[in-house]
Amino acid sequence: MKTKLGWVAPVAAALLCTACGSFQLGYVKPSQGQSRELMNSDMLFCKDQAKTESESGGNQATEFLLGATLVGYPAARQHNIDNQRAAYRVCMEQRGYEYLGTEPPARQATNPSQLNRSALFHLPN
């Protein structure tokens, strides 16, 4: 006799995996005339730095305790995201960039030729 709850495991796995995606670390803008190549290098370095700091022992213990239940998992994931964003922001600001947040910055110029598309960058995780 088949159980009527055979769908629970696949649905639970699907729900957990929906939270397993990339997230925006943030948008930055050079404030000291950094080149695009240097900016790309700094963004990758700071992304790695943020990931390393979020995986420190204290953060892992907190996230484990929060995520020990299905209900606590979203809080643990958000805690990890917040830690990575904060570390990324500090790292980029120390390297001379202006952190603009996680929302795309509003375009000030109305004429497309006035937009400097290469001046604003974001790096998904």
N, C-alpha and C. Protein backbone atom coordinates (compact mmCIF):
# COMPACT_ATOMS: atom_id res chain seq x y z
N MET A 1 0.83 -1.18 0.00
CA MET A 1 0.00 0.00 0.00
C MET A 1 0.87 1.25 0.00
N LYS A 2 0.63 2.14 -0.93
CA LYS A 2 1.43 3.36 -1.03
C LYS A 2 0.98 4.38 0.00
N THR A 3 1.96 5.08 0.51
CA THR A 3 1.64 6.12 1.48
C THR A 3 1.13 7.38 0.77
N LYS A 4 0.26 8.09 1.40
CA LYS A 4 -0.30 9.32 0.82
C LYS A 4 0.64 10.51 1.01
N LEU A 5 1.70 10.33 1.77
CA LEU A 5 2.63 11.42 2.04
C LEU A 5 3.92 11.30 1.23
N GLY A 6 3.89 10.55 0.15
CA GLY A 6 5.07 10.37 -0.68
C GLY A 6 5.54 11.65 -1.35
N TRP A 7 4.72 12.62 -1.42
CA TRP A 7 5.06 13.89 -2.07
C TRP A 7 5.78 14.84 -1.12
N VAL A 8 5.83 14.56 0.18
CA VAL A 8 6.38 15.49 1.16
C VAL A 8 7.86 15.72 0.94
N ALA A 9 8.65 14.67 0.75
CA ALA A 9 10.09 14.84 0.58
C ALA A 9 10.45 15.66 -0.66
N PRO A 10 9.88 15.37 -1.84
CA PRO A 10 10.21 16.19 -3.01
C PRO A 10 9.80 17.65 -2.86
N VAL A 11 8.65 17.89 -2.23
CA VAL A 11 8.19 19.27 -2.04
C VAL A 11 9.10 19.99 -1.05
N ALA A 12 9.48 19.34 0.02
CA ALA A 12 10.38 19.95 1.01
C ALA A 12 11.73 20.27 0.37
N ALA A 13 12.26 19.36 -0.44
CA ALA A 13 13.53 19.61 -1.12
C ALA A 13 13.40 20.79 -2.08
N ALA A 14 12.31 20.87 -2.80
CA ALA A 14 12.11 21.99 -3.73
C ALA A 14 12.02 23.32 -2.99
N LEU A 15 11.33 23.32 -1.86
CA LEU A 15 11.22 24.56 -1.08
C LEU A 15 12.57 25.00 -0.54
N LEU A 16 13.38 24.06 -0.08
CA LEU A 16 14.70 24.41 0.42
C LEU A 16 15.59 24.95 -0.68
N CYS A 17 15.49 24.38 -1.86
CA CYS A 17 16.35 24.81 -2.96
C CYS A 17 15.94 26.15 -3.55
N THR A 18 14.71 26.57 -3.32
CA THR A 18 14.32 27.89 -3.83
C THR A 18 15.10 28.99 -3.15
N ALA A 19 15.55 28.77 -1.95
CA ALA A 19 16.35 29.76 -1.25
C ALA A 19 17.82 29.67 -1.61
N CYS A 20 18.20 28.64 -2.35
CA CYS A 20 19.60 28.42 -2.71
C CYS A 20 19.91 29.14 -4.02
N GLY A 21 19.95 30.40 -4.01
CA GLY A 21 20.24 31.14 -5.23
C GLY A 21 21.29 32.18 -4.96
N SER A 22 21.60 32.91 -5.99
CA SER A 22 22.56 33.98 -5.80
C SER A 22 21.83 35.21 -5.27
N PHE A 23 22.58 36.11 -4.72
CA PHE A 23 22.02 37.34 -4.20
C PHE A 23 22.99 38.46 -4.52
N GLN A 24 22.47 39.66 -4.52
CA GLN A 24 23.25 40.83 -4.87
C GLN A 24 24.11 41.26 -3.68
N LEU A 25 25.41 41.37 -3.89
CA LEU A 25 26.27 41.90 -2.84
C LEU A 25 26.17 43.42 -2.80
N GLY A 26 25.94 44.03 -3.93
CA GLY A 26 25.76 45.47 -3.96
C GLY A 26 26.36 46.12 -5.18
N TYR A 27 25.96 47.35 -5.40
CA TYR A 27 26.49 48.16 -6.49
C TYR A 27 27.55 49.09 -5.92
N VAL A 28 28.60 49.28 -6.69
CA VAL A 28 29.67 50.19 -6.27
C VAL A 28 30.03 51.11 -7.41
N LYS A 29 30.67 52.22 -7.05
CA LYS A 29 31.10 53.21 -8.03
C LYS A 29 32.50 53.65 -7.64
N PRO A 30 33.42 53.75 -8.60
CA PRO A 30 34.76 54.21 -8.25
C PRO A 30 34.72 55.67 -7.79
N SER A 31 35.44 55.97 -6.74
CA SER A 31 35.47 57.35 -6.26
C SER A 31 36.88 57.94 -6.33
N GLN A 32 37.84 57.14 -6.80
CA GLN A 32 39.22 57.63 -6.91
C GLN A 32 39.80 57.36 -8.29
N GLY A 33 38.93 57.27 -9.29
CA GLY A 33 39.39 57.10 -10.67
C GLY A 33 39.96 55.72 -10.98
N GLN A 34 39.52 54.69 -10.29
CA GLN A 34 40.02 53.34 -10.54
C GLN A 34 39.62 52.88 -11.94
N SER A 35 40.51 52.12 -12.56
CA SER A 35 40.23 51.58 -13.88
C SER A 35 39.23 50.42 -13.76
N ARG A 36 38.66 50.06 -14.89
CA ARG A 36 37.71 48.95 -14.92
C ARG A 36 38.39 47.64 -14.51
N GLU A 37 39.61 47.44 -14.97
CA GLU A 37 40.34 46.21 -14.62
C GLU A 37 40.60 46.13 -13.12
N LEU A 38 41.03 47.24 -12.53
CA LEU A 38 41.29 47.25 -11.10
C LEU A 38 39.99 47.04 -10.32
N MET A 39 38.92 47.64 -10.81
CA MET A 39 37.64 47.50 -10.14
C MET A 39 37.17 46.04 -10.17
N ASN A 40 37.30 45.40 -11.32
CA ASN A 40 36.92 43.98 -11.43
C ASN A 40 37.74 43.13 -10.46
N SER A 41 39.03 43.41 -10.40
CA SER A 41 39.91 42.67 -9.49
C SER A 41 39.51 42.90 -8.04
N ASP A 42 39.25 44.16 -7.68
CA ASP A 42 38.84 44.48 -6.32
C ASP A 42 37.51 43.83 -5.96
N MET A 43 36.57 43.83 -6.90
CA MET A 43 35.27 43.22 -6.64
C MET A 43 35.41 41.72 -6.37
N LEU A 44 36.23 41.04 -7.16
CA LEU A 44 36.44 39.60 -6.94
C LEU A 44 37.12 39.34 -5.61
N PHE A 45 38.13 40.16 -5.29
CA PHE A 45 38.82 40.00 -4.02
C PHE A 45 37.86 40.20 -2.85
N CYS A 46 37.06 41.26 -2.92
CA CYS A 46 36.13 41.56 -1.82
C CYS A 46 35.01 40.54 -1.73
N LYS A 47 34.60 39.98 -2.86
CA LYS A 47 33.60 38.91 -2.84
C LYS A 47 34.15 37.70 -2.09
N ASP A 48 35.39 37.33 -2.40
CA ASP A 48 36.02 36.20 -1.72
C ASP A 48 36.21 36.50 -0.23
N GLN A 49 36.61 37.73 0.08
CA GLN A 49 36.80 38.15 1.47
C GLN A 49 35.48 38.06 2.24
N ALA A 50 34.41 38.52 1.63
CA ALA A 50 33.09 38.48 2.27
C ALA A 50 32.66 37.03 2.53
N LYS A 51 32.89 36.17 1.56
CA LYS A 51 32.53 34.76 1.71
C LYS A 51 33.33 34.13 2.85
N THR A 52 34.63 34.43 2.90
CA THR A 52 35.50 33.88 3.95
C THR A 52 35.05 34.35 5.33
N GLU A 53 34.76 35.65 5.45
CA GLU A 53 34.35 36.18 6.74
C GLU A 53 33.00 35.62 7.19
N SER A 54 32.10 35.37 6.24
CA SER A 54 30.79 34.83 6.61
C SER A 54 30.89 33.38 7.05
N GLU A 55 31.97 32.72 6.69
CA GLU A 55 32.16 31.32 7.07
C GLU A 55 33.01 31.15 8.32
N SER A 56 33.20 32.25 9.06
CA SER A 56 33.98 32.15 10.30
C SER A 56 33.23 31.31 11.32
N GLY A 57 33.95 30.84 12.33
CA GLY A 57 33.36 29.94 13.33
C GLY A 57 32.13 30.49 14.01
N GLY A 58 32.18 31.75 14.44
CA GLY A 58 31.04 32.35 15.14
C GLY A 58 29.81 32.45 14.27
N ASN A 59 30.00 32.84 13.02
CA ASN A 59 28.87 32.95 12.09
C ASN A 59 28.28 31.58 11.79
N GLN A 60 29.14 30.59 11.61
CA GLN A 60 28.64 29.26 11.32
C GLN A 60 27.83 28.70 12.48
N ALA A 61 28.29 28.95 13.71
CA ALA A 61 27.55 28.45 14.88
C ALA A 61 26.18 29.10 14.97
N THR A 62 26.13 30.41 14.75
CA THR A 62 24.85 31.12 14.79
C THR A 62 23.91 30.60 13.72
N GLU A 63 24.42 30.44 12.51
CA GLU A 63 23.58 29.97 11.41
C GLU A 63 23.14 28.53 11.63
N PHE A 64 23.98 27.72 12.23
CA PHE A 64 23.59 26.35 12.52
C PHE A 64 22.43 26.32 13.51
N LEU A 65 22.54 27.11 14.56
CA LEU A 65 21.48 27.13 15.57
C LEU A 65 20.19 27.69 14.98
N LEU A 66 20.29 28.73 14.16
CA LEU A 66 19.09 29.29 13.53
C LEU A 66 18.49 28.31 12.52
N GLY A 67 19.35 27.65 11.78
CA GLY A 67 18.89 26.78 10.71
C GLY A 67 18.60 25.36 11.12
N ALA A 68 18.67 25.08 12.41
CA ALA A 68 18.44 23.71 12.88
C ALA A 68 17.01 23.25 12.64
N THR A 69 16.13 24.19 12.39
CA THR A 69 14.75 23.83 12.10
C THR A 69 14.39 24.37 10.73
N LEU A 70 13.38 23.82 10.14
CA LEU A 70 12.92 24.29 8.83
C LEU A 70 12.46 25.74 8.90
N VAL A 71 11.86 26.10 10.02
CA VAL A 71 11.39 27.47 10.22
C VAL A 71 12.58 28.43 10.35
N GLY A 72 13.65 27.98 10.99
CA GLY A 72 14.81 28.84 11.22
C GLY A 72 15.72 29.00 10.02
N TYR A 73 15.57 28.14 9.00
CA TYR A 73 16.46 28.20 7.85
C TYR A 73 16.45 29.56 7.15
N PRO A 74 15.29 30.15 6.86
CA PRO A 74 15.32 31.47 6.19
C PRO A 74 16.05 32.53 7.02
N ALA A 75 15.91 32.50 8.33
CA ALA A 75 16.61 33.46 9.18
C ALA A 75 18.11 33.24 9.12
N ALA A 76 18.54 31.99 9.11
CA ALA A 76 19.97 31.68 9.03
C ALA A 76 20.53 32.13 7.69
N ARG A 77 19.79 31.89 6.62
CA ARG A 77 20.25 32.32 5.29
C ARG A 77 20.34 33.84 5.21
N GLN A 78 19.35 34.55 5.74
CA GLN A 78 19.39 36.00 5.71
C GLN A 78 20.55 36.53 6.54
N HIS A 79 20.83 35.88 7.65
CA HIS A 79 21.97 36.27 8.50
C HIS A 79 23.27 36.15 7.70
N ASN A 80 23.42 35.07 6.95
CA ASN A 80 24.60 34.87 6.13
C ASN A 80 24.70 35.95 5.04
N ILE A 81 23.59 36.24 4.39
CA ILE A 81 23.57 37.26 3.33
C ILE A 81 23.95 38.62 3.90
N ASP A 82 23.37 38.98 5.04
CA ASP A 82 23.67 40.27 5.67
C ASP A 82 25.15 40.37 6.03
N ASN A 83 25.72 39.29 6.55
CA ASN A 83 27.14 39.29 6.90
C ASN A 83 28.01 39.47 5.66
N GLN A 84 27.67 38.78 4.58
CA GLN A 84 28.47 38.90 3.36
C GLN A 84 28.37 40.30 2.78
N ARG A 85 27.18 40.87 2.77
CA ARG A 85 27.02 42.24 2.24
C ARG A 85 27.81 43.25 3.06
N ALA A 86 27.76 43.11 4.38
CA ALA A 86 28.49 44.04 5.25
C ALA A 86 30.00 43.93 5.02
N ALA A 87 30.51 42.72 4.92
CA ALA A 87 31.94 42.52 4.70
C ALA A 87 32.35 43.04 3.32
N TYR A 88 31.52 42.82 2.32
CA TYR A 88 31.80 43.31 0.96
C TYR A 88 31.84 44.83 0.95
N ARG A 89 30.88 45.45 1.62
CA ARG A 89 30.83 46.91 1.67
C ARG A 89 32.09 47.48 2.32
N VAL A 90 32.48 46.94 3.46
CA VAL A 90 33.68 47.43 4.15
C VAL A 90 34.91 47.27 3.27
N CYS A 91 35.04 46.12 2.65
CA CYS A 91 36.19 45.85 1.79
C CYS A 91 36.26 46.84 0.62
N MET A 92 35.13 47.04 -0.07
CA MET A 92 35.12 47.94 -1.22
C MET A 92 35.36 49.39 -0.81
N GLU A 93 34.80 49.81 0.32
CA GLU A 93 35.02 51.17 0.79
C GLU A 93 36.47 51.39 1.18
N GLN A 94 37.12 50.37 1.75
CA GLN A 94 38.54 50.48 2.10
C GLN A 94 39.41 50.60 0.86
N ARG A 95 38.93 50.11 -0.27
CA ARG A 95 39.68 50.19 -1.52
C ARG A 95 39.31 51.42 -2.34
N GLY A 96 38.49 52.29 -1.78
CA GLY A 96 38.20 53.56 -2.42
C GLY A 96 36.99 53.59 -3.34
N TYR A 97 36.00 52.77 -3.06
CA TYR A 97 34.78 52.76 -3.88
C TYR A 97 33.62 53.25 -3.03
N GLU A 98 32.63 53.81 -3.69
CA GLU A 98 31.41 54.21 -3.01
C GLU A 98 30.40 53.07 -3.13
N TYR A 99 29.91 52.60 -2.01
CA TYR A 99 28.91 51.52 -1.99
C TYR A 99 27.54 52.15 -2.13
N LEU A 100 26.78 51.71 -3.14
CA LEU A 100 25.49 52.32 -3.45
C LEU A 100 24.30 51.50 -2.96
N GLY A 101 24.52 50.37 -2.34
CA GLY A 101 23.43 49.53 -1.85
C GLY A 101 23.15 48.39 -2.79
N THR A 102 22.07 47.67 -2.51
CA THR A 102 21.75 46.48 -3.29
C THR A 102 20.70 46.75 -4.37
N GLU A 103 20.08 47.91 -4.34
CA GLU A 103 19.12 48.27 -5.38
C GLU A 103 19.84 48.98 -6.51
N PRO A 104 19.45 48.71 -7.75
CA PRO A 104 20.10 49.41 -8.87
C PRO A 104 19.96 50.93 -8.69
N PRO A 105 21.06 51.65 -8.87
CA PRO A 105 20.99 53.10 -8.70
C PRO A 105 20.11 53.74 -9.77
N ALA A 106 19.42 54.80 -9.40
CA ALA A 106 18.58 55.54 -10.36
C ALA A 106 19.48 56.24 -11.36
N ARG A 107 19.09 56.20 -12.58
CA ARG A 107 19.86 56.85 -13.62
C ARG A 107 19.54 58.34 -13.61
N GLN A 108 20.56 59.15 -13.46
CA GLN A 108 20.38 60.59 -13.38
C GLN A 108 20.21 61.21 -14.76
N ALA A 109 20.97 60.74 -15.73
CA ALA A 109 20.94 61.35 -17.05
C ALA A 109 19.73 60.85 -17.84
N THR A 110 19.15 61.73 -18.62
CA THR A 110 18.00 61.34 -19.43
C THR A 110 18.43 61.00 -20.84
N ASN A 111 19.55 61.53 -21.30
CA ASN A 111 20.07 61.26 -22.63
C ASN A 111 20.96 60.01 -22.54
N PRO A 112 20.67 58.94 -23.30
CA PRO A 112 21.47 57.72 -23.22
C PRO A 112 22.96 57.95 -23.47
N SER A 113 23.31 58.95 -24.27
CA SER A 113 24.73 59.19 -24.53
C SER A 113 25.44 59.77 -23.31
N GLN A 114 24.69 60.29 -22.33
CA GLN A 114 25.29 60.85 -21.12
C GLN A 114 25.53 59.79 -20.05
N LEU A 115 24.96 58.61 -20.23
CA LEU A 115 25.10 57.57 -19.22
C LEU A 115 26.47 56.93 -19.30
N ASN A 116 27.12 56.79 -18.18
CA ASN A 116 28.39 56.10 -18.10
C ASN A 116 28.12 54.71 -17.58
N ARG A 117 27.82 53.80 -18.48
CA ARG A 117 27.42 52.44 -18.08
C ARG A 117 28.57 51.67 -17.44
N SER A 118 29.79 52.04 -17.73
CA SER A 118 30.91 51.29 -17.16
C SER A 118 31.28 51.78 -15.76
N ALA A 119 30.63 52.83 -15.27
CA ALA A 119 31.00 53.37 -13.96
C ALA A 119 30.32 52.66 -12.81
N LEU A 120 29.25 51.95 -13.07
CA LEU A 120 28.52 51.27 -12.01
C LEU A 120 28.59 49.77 -12.23
N PHE A 121 28.98 49.05 -11.20
CA PHE A 121 29.12 47.61 -11.32
C PHE A 121 28.45 46.93 -10.14
N HIS A 122 27.99 45.74 -10.36
CA HIS A 122 27.52 44.90 -9.28
C HIS A 122 28.08 43.51 -9.51
N LEU A 123 28.12 42.75 -8.47
CA LEU A 123 28.68 41.41 -8.56
C LEU A 123 27.77 40.45 -7.82
N PRO A 124 27.04 39.61 -8.56
CA PRO A 124 26.21 38.62 -7.86
C PRO A 124 27.09 37.56 -7.24
N ASN A 125 26.58 36.94 -6.21
CA ASN A 125 27.34 35.90 -5.53
C ASN A 125 27.30 34.62 -6.30
